[in-house]
Amino acid sequence: MNRLSPIIAALLLVSVSGVSAQEATFSTKSLAPETALKAARAALESCRKSGFQVAVAVVDRGGNAQVLLRDRFAGAHTVDTAINKAWTSVTFKTPTLAFAKETEAGKDASGIRQLPRVVAVGGGLMIEAAGSLVGGIGVSGAPGGAADDVCAQAGIKAIQADIEL
């Protein structure tokens, strides 16, 4: 019995599956650092106008931090919390305010809160352009997740015209 070499078998599998080089890869859009910084600055300014000292993080579509701003009197915990709010929103593809409600104690998904980095508190939003996820923004330090959410929304609003595809 003849055995095909692994290379020949792989080539045969690719040719049989009909996957072309064009279908084997894809392109994505991400925020430029300048755009991420603009969103973070706008969110920080929105919170300042309301008298809140916060940290703001903008992450890319994979949840990796791009920009972090921490106001001078924002608590030490706000840095990691802002990053992780943005990460939670992007990786679960839902605003953290809604995520908090969906994962309350007693609900089927409540155990997901035990995963590392998950923050089930408002203030984390996805940044989308033309229906595509391009990043996320997280705000921490205002009195409550709903107030953090308002500041995050201001950050997205500041870049909306820039990211329309």
N, C-alpha and C. Protein backbone atom coordinates (compact mmCIF):
# COMPACT_ATOMS: atom_id res chain seq x y z
N MET A 1 0.84 -1.18 0.00
CA MET A 1 0.00 0.00 0.00
C MET A 1 0.89 1.24 0.00
N ASN A 2 0.64 2.17 -0.92
CA ASN A 2 1.42 3.40 -1.00
C ASN A 2 0.82 4.44 -0.07
N ARG A 3 1.69 5.15 0.59
CA ARG A 3 1.22 6.25 1.45
C ARG A 3 1.59 7.57 0.78
N LEU A 4 0.65 8.50 0.76
CA LEU A 4 0.93 9.84 0.23
C LEU A 4 1.74 10.61 1.25
N SER A 5 2.66 11.37 0.79
CA SER A 5 3.41 12.22 1.72
C SER A 5 2.47 13.27 2.29
N PRO A 6 2.76 13.77 3.48
CA PRO A 6 1.90 14.80 4.07
C PRO A 6 1.73 16.02 3.18
N ILE A 7 2.76 16.39 2.44
CA ILE A 7 2.67 17.57 1.57
C ILE A 7 1.70 17.32 0.43
N ILE A 8 1.80 16.15 -0.20
CA ILE A 8 0.89 15.82 -1.30
C ILE A 8 -0.54 15.73 -0.78
N ALA A 9 -0.72 15.16 0.40
CA ALA A 9 -2.06 15.06 0.98
C ALA A 9 -2.64 16.44 1.25
N ALA A 10 -1.83 17.35 1.76
CA ALA A 10 -2.30 18.71 2.03
C ALA A 10 -2.68 19.41 0.74
N LEU A 11 -1.86 19.27 -0.30
CA LEU A 11 -2.16 19.89 -1.59
C LEU A 11 -3.45 19.32 -2.17
N LEU A 12 -3.60 18.03 -2.07
CA LEU A 12 -4.81 17.38 -2.56
C LEU A 12 -6.03 17.89 -1.81
N LEU A 13 -5.94 18.04 -0.50
CA LEU A 13 -7.05 18.52 0.30
C LEU A 13 -7.43 19.95 -0.09
N VAL A 14 -6.43 20.80 -0.30
CA VAL A 14 -6.72 22.18 -0.70
C VAL A 14 -7.37 22.22 -2.06
N SER A 15 -6.88 21.43 -3.00
CA SER A 15 -7.45 21.46 -4.35
C SER A 15 -8.86 20.88 -4.37
N VAL A 16 -9.13 19.88 -3.53
CA VAL A 16 -10.45 19.28 -3.47
C VAL A 16 -11.45 20.22 -2.79
N SER A 17 -10.97 20.95 -1.78
CA SER A 17 -11.89 21.83 -1.05
C SER A 17 -12.28 23.06 -1.84
N GLY A 18 -11.54 23.38 -2.86
CA GLY A 18 -11.88 24.53 -3.69
C GLY A 18 -11.53 25.87 -3.08
N VAL A 19 -10.70 25.90 -2.07
CA VAL A 19 -10.31 27.16 -1.44
C VAL A 19 -9.23 27.80 -2.28
N SER A 20 -9.50 29.00 -2.75
CA SER A 20 -8.49 29.73 -3.51
C SER A 20 -7.68 30.60 -2.55
N ALA A 21 -6.58 31.11 -3.04
CA ALA A 21 -5.75 31.99 -2.22
C ALA A 21 -6.54 33.21 -1.77
N GLN A 22 -7.42 33.67 -2.62
CA GLN A 22 -8.22 34.84 -2.28
C GLN A 22 -9.19 34.54 -1.14
N GLU A 23 -9.72 33.32 -1.06
CA GLU A 23 -10.65 32.95 -0.01
C GLU A 23 -9.95 32.53 1.27
N ALA A 24 -8.67 32.29 1.22
CA ALA A 24 -7.93 31.80 2.38
C ALA A 24 -7.49 32.90 3.32
N THR A 25 -7.63 34.15 2.92
CA THR A 25 -7.26 35.27 3.77
C THR A 25 -8.40 36.30 3.77
N PHE A 26 -8.32 37.22 4.69
CA PHE A 26 -9.31 38.29 4.72
C PHE A 26 -8.65 39.56 5.24
N SER A 27 -9.27 40.68 4.97
CA SER A 27 -8.76 41.97 5.41
C SER A 27 -9.69 42.54 6.48
N THR A 28 -9.12 43.30 7.37
CA THR A 28 -9.91 43.94 8.43
C THR A 28 -9.55 45.42 8.52
N LYS A 29 -10.43 46.18 9.11
CA LYS A 29 -10.19 47.59 9.37
C LYS A 29 -9.91 47.77 10.86
N SER A 30 -9.00 48.64 11.17
CA SER A 30 -8.68 48.96 12.56
C SER A 30 -8.57 50.47 12.70
N LEU A 31 -8.70 50.94 13.92
CA LEU A 31 -8.54 52.37 14.17
C LEU A 31 -7.08 52.77 14.08
N ALA A 32 -6.83 53.90 13.46
CA ALA A 32 -5.48 54.48 13.49
C ALA A 32 -5.24 54.98 14.91
N PRO A 33 -4.00 54.98 15.38
CA PRO A 33 -3.72 55.46 16.74
C PRO A 33 -4.25 56.88 16.98
N GLU A 34 -4.17 57.73 15.98
CA GLU A 34 -4.65 59.10 16.12
C GLU A 34 -6.16 59.15 16.35
N THR A 35 -6.88 58.26 15.68
CA THR A 35 -8.33 58.20 15.84
C THR A 35 -8.69 57.66 17.22
N ALA A 36 -7.97 56.63 17.65
CA ALA A 36 -8.18 56.07 19.00
C ALA A 36 -7.92 57.13 20.06
N LEU A 37 -6.87 57.92 19.87
CA LEU A 37 -6.55 58.98 20.82
C LEU A 37 -7.63 60.06 20.84
N LYS A 38 -8.16 60.40 19.67
CA LYS A 38 -9.23 61.40 19.58
C LYS A 38 -10.46 60.93 20.36
N ALA A 39 -10.81 59.66 20.24
CA ALA A 39 -11.96 59.11 20.96
C ALA A 39 -11.71 59.15 22.46
N ALA A 40 -10.52 58.76 22.87
CA ALA A 40 -10.19 58.75 24.30
C ALA A 40 -10.22 60.16 24.89
N ARG A 41 -9.67 61.12 24.16
CA ARG A 41 -9.68 62.50 24.64
C ARG A 41 -11.10 63.03 24.79
N ALA A 42 -11.96 62.72 23.82
CA ALA A 42 -13.34 63.20 23.87
C ALA A 42 -14.09 62.58 25.06
N ALA A 43 -13.85 61.30 25.31
CA ALA A 43 -14.50 60.64 26.45
C ALA A 43 -14.01 61.23 27.76
N LEU A 44 -12.71 61.46 27.86
CA LEU A 44 -12.14 62.05 29.07
C LEU A 44 -12.71 63.44 29.31
N GLU A 45 -12.80 64.23 28.27
CA GLU A 45 -13.34 65.59 28.38
C GLU A 45 -14.81 65.57 28.78
N SER A 46 -15.55 64.64 28.25
CA SER A 46 -16.97 64.52 28.61
C SER A 46 -17.12 64.24 30.11
N CYS A 47 -16.30 63.35 30.61
CA CYS A 47 -16.36 63.05 32.05
C CYS A 47 -15.90 64.24 32.89
N ARG A 48 -14.87 64.93 32.44
CA ARG A 48 -14.38 66.10 33.18
C ARG A 48 -15.48 67.15 33.31
N LYS A 49 -16.22 67.37 32.20
CA LYS A 49 -17.30 68.37 32.22
C LYS A 49 -18.38 68.01 33.25
N SER A 50 -18.50 66.72 33.52
CA SER A 50 -19.47 66.26 34.52
C SER A 50 -18.85 66.16 35.91
N GLY A 51 -17.57 66.52 36.01
CA GLY A 51 -16.89 66.51 37.31
C GLY A 51 -16.30 65.16 37.70
N PHE A 52 -16.13 64.26 36.73
CA PHE A 52 -15.62 62.92 37.02
C PHE A 52 -14.16 62.78 36.60
N GLN A 53 -13.38 62.15 37.44
CA GLN A 53 -11.98 61.82 37.15
C GLN A 53 -11.95 60.35 36.74
N VAL A 54 -11.58 60.07 35.51
CA VAL A 54 -11.69 58.70 34.98
C VAL A 54 -10.43 58.28 34.24
N ALA A 55 -10.42 57.02 33.90
CA ALA A 55 -9.45 56.48 32.94
C ALA A 55 -10.25 56.05 31.72
N VAL A 56 -9.66 56.23 30.55
CA VAL A 56 -10.30 55.85 29.29
C VAL A 56 -9.32 54.99 28.52
N ALA A 57 -9.81 53.87 28.01
CA ALA A 57 -8.98 52.99 27.19
C ALA A 57 -9.69 52.75 25.85
N VAL A 58 -8.91 52.72 24.80
CA VAL A 58 -9.41 52.32 23.48
C VAL A 58 -8.60 51.10 23.07
N VAL A 59 -9.32 50.06 22.66
CA VAL A 59 -8.68 48.82 22.23
C VAL A 59 -8.96 48.57 20.76
N ASP A 60 -8.12 47.75 20.14
CA ASP A 60 -8.37 47.38 18.75
C ASP A 60 -9.43 46.28 18.69
N ARG A 61 -9.74 45.80 17.51
CA ARG A 61 -10.80 44.81 17.34
C ARG A 61 -10.50 43.49 18.02
N GLY A 62 -9.25 43.25 18.37
CA GLY A 62 -8.87 42.04 19.09
C GLY A 62 -8.82 42.22 20.60
N GLY A 63 -9.08 43.44 21.06
CA GLY A 63 -9.08 43.73 22.49
C GLY A 63 -7.74 44.19 23.03
N ASN A 64 -6.78 44.45 22.16
CA ASN A 64 -5.46 44.92 22.58
C ASN A 64 -5.47 46.43 22.77
N ALA A 65 -4.93 46.90 23.89
CA ALA A 65 -4.95 48.33 24.19
C ALA A 65 -4.18 49.12 23.15
N GLN A 66 -4.80 50.19 22.67
CA GLN A 66 -4.18 51.13 21.75
C GLN A 66 -3.84 52.43 22.45
N VAL A 67 -4.77 52.92 23.27
CA VAL A 67 -4.61 54.20 23.94
C VAL A 67 -5.16 54.09 25.35
N LEU A 68 -4.47 54.73 26.28
CA LEU A 68 -4.97 54.81 27.65
C LEU A 68 -4.69 56.21 28.16
N LEU A 69 -5.74 56.85 28.67
CA LEU A 69 -5.61 58.16 29.32
C LEU A 69 -6.18 58.04 30.72
N ARG A 70 -5.46 58.52 31.71
CA ARG A 70 -5.94 58.52 33.09
C ARG A 70 -5.85 59.94 33.62
N ASP A 71 -7.01 60.45 34.06
CA ASP A 71 -7.01 61.79 34.62
C ASP A 71 -6.24 61.79 35.93
N ARG A 72 -5.77 62.95 36.35
CA ARG A 72 -4.81 63.04 37.47
C ARG A 72 -5.32 62.47 38.79
N PHE A 73 -6.61 62.52 39.04
CA PHE A 73 -7.13 62.02 40.31
C PHE A 73 -7.97 60.75 40.17
N ALA A 74 -7.94 60.14 39.01
CA ALA A 74 -8.67 58.88 38.83
C ALA A 74 -8.00 57.81 39.67
N GLY A 75 -8.79 56.95 40.25
CA GLY A 75 -8.27 55.90 41.12
C GLY A 75 -7.35 54.93 40.38
N ALA A 76 -6.48 54.30 41.14
CA ALA A 76 -5.52 53.36 40.56
C ALA A 76 -6.22 52.20 39.86
N HIS A 77 -7.37 51.79 40.37
CA HIS A 77 -8.10 50.66 39.79
C HIS A 77 -8.72 50.99 38.44
N THR A 78 -8.86 52.28 38.11
CA THR A 78 -9.57 52.66 36.90
C THR A 78 -8.83 52.29 35.62
N VAL A 79 -7.52 52.18 35.68
CA VAL A 79 -6.73 51.86 34.49
C VAL A 79 -7.09 50.47 33.98
N ASP A 80 -6.89 49.46 34.82
CA ASP A 80 -7.20 48.09 34.41
C ASP A 80 -8.68 47.91 34.12
N THR A 81 -9.52 48.59 34.89
CA THR A 81 -10.97 48.45 34.69
C THR A 81 -11.39 49.00 33.33
N ALA A 82 -10.85 50.16 32.95
CA ALA A 82 -11.20 50.74 31.65
C ALA A 82 -10.75 49.83 30.51
N ILE A 83 -9.53 49.33 30.59
CA ILE A 83 -9.03 48.42 29.54
C ILE A 83 -9.92 47.18 29.47
N ASN A 84 -10.25 46.62 30.62
CA ASN A 84 -11.02 45.38 30.62
C ASN A 84 -12.49 45.58 30.25
N LYS A 85 -13.03 46.77 30.49
CA LYS A 85 -14.38 47.05 30.00
C LYS A 85 -14.38 47.06 28.48
N ALA A 86 -13.40 47.74 27.89
CA ALA A 86 -13.31 47.78 26.43
C ALA A 86 -13.09 46.37 25.88
N TRP A 87 -12.21 45.60 26.53
CA TRP A 87 -11.92 44.23 26.11
C TRP A 87 -13.17 43.37 26.19
N THR A 88 -13.92 43.49 27.28
CA THR A 88 -15.15 42.70 27.45
C THR A 88 -16.15 43.01 26.34
N SER A 89 -16.33 44.29 26.07
CA SER A 89 -17.28 44.69 25.03
C SER A 89 -16.90 44.13 23.67
N VAL A 90 -15.62 44.23 23.33
CA VAL A 90 -15.15 43.77 22.02
C VAL A 90 -15.20 42.25 21.91
N THR A 91 -14.71 41.56 22.93
CA THR A 91 -14.62 40.11 22.81
C THR A 91 -15.97 39.41 22.93
N PHE A 92 -16.91 40.01 23.65
CA PHE A 92 -18.25 39.43 23.73
C PHE A 92 -19.23 40.12 22.78
N LYS A 93 -18.74 41.11 22.06
CA LYS A 93 -19.51 41.85 21.06
C LYS A 93 -20.85 42.36 21.60
N THR A 94 -20.75 43.00 22.75
CA THR A 94 -21.93 43.60 23.37
C THR A 94 -21.50 44.72 24.31
N PRO A 95 -22.28 45.77 24.43
CA PRO A 95 -21.96 46.82 25.41
C PRO A 95 -21.96 46.22 26.82
N THR A 96 -21.06 46.67 27.66
CA THR A 96 -20.95 46.06 28.99
C THR A 96 -22.16 46.34 29.88
N LEU A 97 -22.89 47.40 29.63
CA LEU A 97 -24.11 47.66 30.40
C LEU A 97 -25.13 46.55 30.13
N ALA A 98 -25.30 46.18 28.87
CA ALA A 98 -26.19 45.07 28.50
C ALA A 98 -25.62 43.74 28.98
N PHE A 99 -24.31 43.58 28.87
CA PHE A 99 -23.64 42.36 29.32
C PHE A 99 -23.88 42.14 30.81
N ALA A 100 -23.86 43.22 31.58
CA ALA A 100 -24.09 43.13 33.02
C ALA A 100 -25.48 42.55 33.31
N LYS A 101 -26.47 43.00 32.56
CA LYS A 101 -27.84 42.51 32.76
C LYS A 101 -27.99 41.05 32.33
N GLU A 102 -27.33 40.70 31.22
CA GLU A 102 -27.43 39.34 30.68
C GLU A 102 -26.72 38.30 31.54
N THR A 103 -25.81 38.75 32.39
CA THR A 103 -25.01 37.80 33.18
C THR A 103 -25.26 37.93 34.68
N GLU A 104 -26.39 38.52 35.05
CA GLU A 104 -26.73 38.66 36.47
C GLU A 104 -26.81 37.29 37.14
N ALA A 105 -26.66 37.29 38.44
CA ALA A 105 -26.76 36.04 39.22
C ALA A 105 -28.10 35.36 38.92
N GLY A 106 -28.04 34.06 38.76
CA GLY A 106 -29.23 33.27 38.49
C GLY A 106 -29.54 33.10 37.01
N LYS A 107 -28.90 33.86 36.14
CA LYS A 107 -29.13 33.72 34.70
C LYS A 107 -28.16 32.66 34.16
N ASP A 108 -28.53 32.07 33.02
CA ASP A 108 -27.73 31.00 32.44
C ASP A 108 -26.28 31.39 32.20
N ALA A 109 -26.05 32.62 31.82
CA ALA A 109 -24.69 33.06 31.48
C ALA A 109 -23.95 33.69 32.66
N SER A 110 -24.48 33.59 33.86
CA SER A 110 -23.86 34.27 35.01
C SER A 110 -22.44 33.80 35.29
N GLY A 111 -22.14 32.56 35.01
CA GLY A 111 -20.80 32.03 35.27
C GLY A 111 -19.71 32.67 34.45
N ILE A 112 -20.08 33.28 33.35
CA ILE A 112 -19.08 33.91 32.48
C ILE A 112 -18.37 35.06 33.17
N ARG A 113 -18.99 35.62 34.19
CA ARG A 113 -18.37 36.71 34.96
C ARG A 113 -17.10 36.26 35.68
N GLN A 114 -16.94 34.96 35.85
CA GLN A 114 -15.77 34.44 36.56
C GLN A 114 -14.53 34.36 35.68
N LEU A 115 -14.67 34.55 34.39
CA LEU A 115 -13.52 34.50 33.49
C LEU A 115 -12.58 35.67 33.74
N PRO A 116 -11.29 35.47 33.55
CA PRO A 116 -10.33 36.58 33.73
C PRO A 116 -10.67 37.74 32.78
N ARG A 117 -10.48 38.95 33.27
CA ARG A 117 -10.63 40.19 32.52
C ARG A 117 -12.06 40.65 32.30
N VAL A 118 -13.04 39.80 32.54
CA VAL A 118 -14.43 40.16 32.30
C VAL A 118 -14.87 41.21 33.32
N VAL A 119 -15.44 42.32 32.81
CA VAL A 119 -15.98 43.36 33.67
C VAL A 119 -17.43 43.59 33.25
N ALA A 120 -18.34 43.20 34.12
CA ALA A 120 -19.77 43.29 33.84
C ALA A 120 -20.34 44.54 34.52
N VAL A 121 -19.89 45.70 34.05
CA VAL A 121 -20.33 47.00 34.54
C VAL A 121 -20.37 47.93 33.33
N GLY A 122 -21.32 48.82 33.26
CA GLY A 122 -21.40 49.74 32.13
C GLY A 122 -20.13 50.56 31.94
N GLY A 123 -19.94 51.03 30.72
CA GLY A 123 -18.78 51.86 30.40
C GLY A 123 -17.92 51.28 29.30
N GLY A 124 -18.25 50.10 28.81
CA GLY A 124 -17.50 49.49 27.71
C GLY A 124 -18.39 49.39 26.48
N LEU A 125 -17.93 49.96 25.37
CA LEU A 125 -18.71 49.96 24.13
C LEU A 125 -17.86 49.53 22.95
N MET A 126 -18.50 48.88 22.00
CA MET A 126 -17.83 48.54 20.74
C MET A 126 -17.79 49.80 19.87
N ILE A 127 -16.76 49.88 19.06
CA ILE A 127 -16.68 50.93 18.06
C ILE A 127 -16.85 50.25 16.71
N GLU A 128 -17.90 50.63 16.00
CA GLU A 128 -18.21 50.00 14.72
C GLU A 128 -18.21 51.04 13.61
N ALA A 129 -17.82 50.59 12.42
CA ALA A 129 -17.85 51.44 11.24
C ALA A 129 -18.41 50.60 10.09
N ALA A 130 -19.47 51.07 9.49
CA ALA A 130 -20.13 50.38 8.38
C ALA A 130 -20.44 48.93 8.73
N GLY A 131 -20.89 48.70 9.95
CA GLY A 131 -21.26 47.36 10.36
C GLY A 131 -20.11 46.46 10.75
N SER A 132 -18.89 46.96 10.72
CA SER A 132 -17.72 46.17 11.10
C SER A 132 -17.16 46.65 12.43
N LEU A 133 -16.76 45.70 13.24
CA LEU A 133 -16.12 46.01 14.52
C LEU A 133 -14.70 46.50 14.25
N VAL A 134 -14.37 47.71 14.72
CA VAL A 134 -13.02 48.25 14.51
C VAL A 134 -12.28 48.48 15.82
N GLY A 135 -13.00 48.36 16.96
CA GLY A 135 -12.35 48.57 18.25
C GLY A 135 -13.37 48.67 19.36
N GLY A 136 -12.90 49.13 20.50
CA GLY A 136 -13.78 49.31 21.65
C GLY A 136 -13.25 50.41 22.54
N ILE A 137 -14.12 50.96 23.37
CA ILE A 137 -13.73 52.01 24.30
C ILE A 137 -14.27 51.65 25.68
N GLY A 138 -13.46 51.88 26.70
CA GLY A 138 -13.86 51.63 28.06
C GLY A 138 -13.56 52.82 28.94
N VAL A 139 -14.50 53.17 29.81
CA VAL A 139 -14.34 54.28 30.74
C VAL A 139 -14.60 53.77 32.14
N SER A 140 -13.75 54.19 33.08
CA SER A 140 -13.92 53.78 34.48
C SER A 140 -13.59 54.94 35.40
N GLY A 141 -14.45 55.13 36.41
CA GLY A 141 -14.18 56.15 37.42
C GLY A 141 -15.33 57.07 37.71
N ALA A 142 -16.29 57.16 36.80
CA ALA A 142 -17.48 57.97 37.08
C ALA A 142 -18.32 57.22 38.11
N PRO A 143 -19.25 57.92 38.74
CA PRO A 143 -20.06 57.24 39.76
C PRO A 143 -21.12 56.32 39.12
N GLY A 144 -20.71 55.14 38.74
CA GLY A 144 -21.62 54.15 38.17
C GLY A 144 -21.39 53.91 36.70
N GLY A 145 -21.74 52.71 36.28
CA GLY A 145 -21.53 52.31 34.90
C GLY A 145 -22.31 53.12 33.89
N ALA A 146 -23.49 53.58 34.25
CA ALA A 146 -24.29 54.38 33.32
C ALA A 146 -23.59 55.70 33.01
N ALA A 147 -22.96 56.32 34.00
CA ALA A 147 -22.22 57.57 33.78
C ALA A 147 -20.97 57.30 32.94
N ASP A 148 -20.29 56.19 33.20
CA ASP A 148 -19.14 55.80 32.37
C ASP A 148 -19.57 55.62 30.92
N ASP A 149 -20.74 55.02 30.72
CA ASP A 149 -21.28 54.78 29.39
C ASP A 149 -21.49 56.08 28.61
N VAL A 150 -22.01 57.10 29.28
CA VAL A 150 -22.25 58.39 28.63
C VAL A 150 -20.93 58.96 28.10
N CYS A 151 -19.88 58.87 28.89
CA CYS A 151 -18.57 59.38 28.47
C CYS A 151 -18.02 58.56 27.30
N ALA A 152 -18.19 57.25 27.34
CA ALA A 152 -17.72 56.39 26.25
C ALA A 152 -18.46 56.73 24.97
N GLN A 153 -19.77 56.98 25.07
CA GLN A 153 -20.55 57.36 23.90
C GLN A 153 -20.05 58.67 23.30
N ALA A 154 -19.62 59.59 24.15
CA ALA A 154 -19.08 60.86 23.66
C ALA A 154 -17.79 60.62 22.88
N GLY A 155 -17.00 59.67 23.33
CA GLY A 155 -15.78 59.33 22.60
C GLY A 155 -16.06 58.79 21.22
N ILE A 156 -17.04 57.92 21.12
CA ILE A 156 -17.41 57.36 19.82
C ILE A 156 -18.00 58.44 18.92
N LYS A 157 -18.85 59.28 19.48
CA LYS A 157 -19.46 60.35 18.70
C LYS A 157 -18.40 61.27 18.09
N ALA A 158 -17.32 61.50 18.82
CA ALA A 158 -16.26 62.40 18.34
C ALA A 158 -15.53 61.87 17.10
N ILE A 159 -15.55 60.56 16.91
CA ILE A 159 -14.83 60.00 15.75
C ILE A 159 -15.77 59.42 14.68
N GLN A 160 -17.06 59.50 14.91
CA GLN A 160 -18.03 58.86 14.01
C GLN A 160 -17.83 59.28 12.56
N ALA A 161 -17.68 60.57 12.31
CA ALA A 161 -17.51 61.04 10.93
C ALA A 161 -16.18 60.56 10.34
N ASP A 162 -15.18 60.40 11.18
CA ASP A 162 -13.87 59.96 10.71
C ASP A 162 -13.84 58.50 10.29
N ILE A 163 -14.70 57.68 10.90
CA ILE A 163 -14.62 56.23 10.65
C ILE A 163 -15.69 55.71 9.71
N GLU A 164 -16.57 56.56 9.22
CA GLU A 164 -17.57 56.11 8.26
C GLU A 164 -16.83 55.61 7.02
N LEU A 165 -17.12 54.38 6.65
CA LEU A 165 -16.42 53.79 5.50
C LEU A 165 -17.19 53.99 4.22
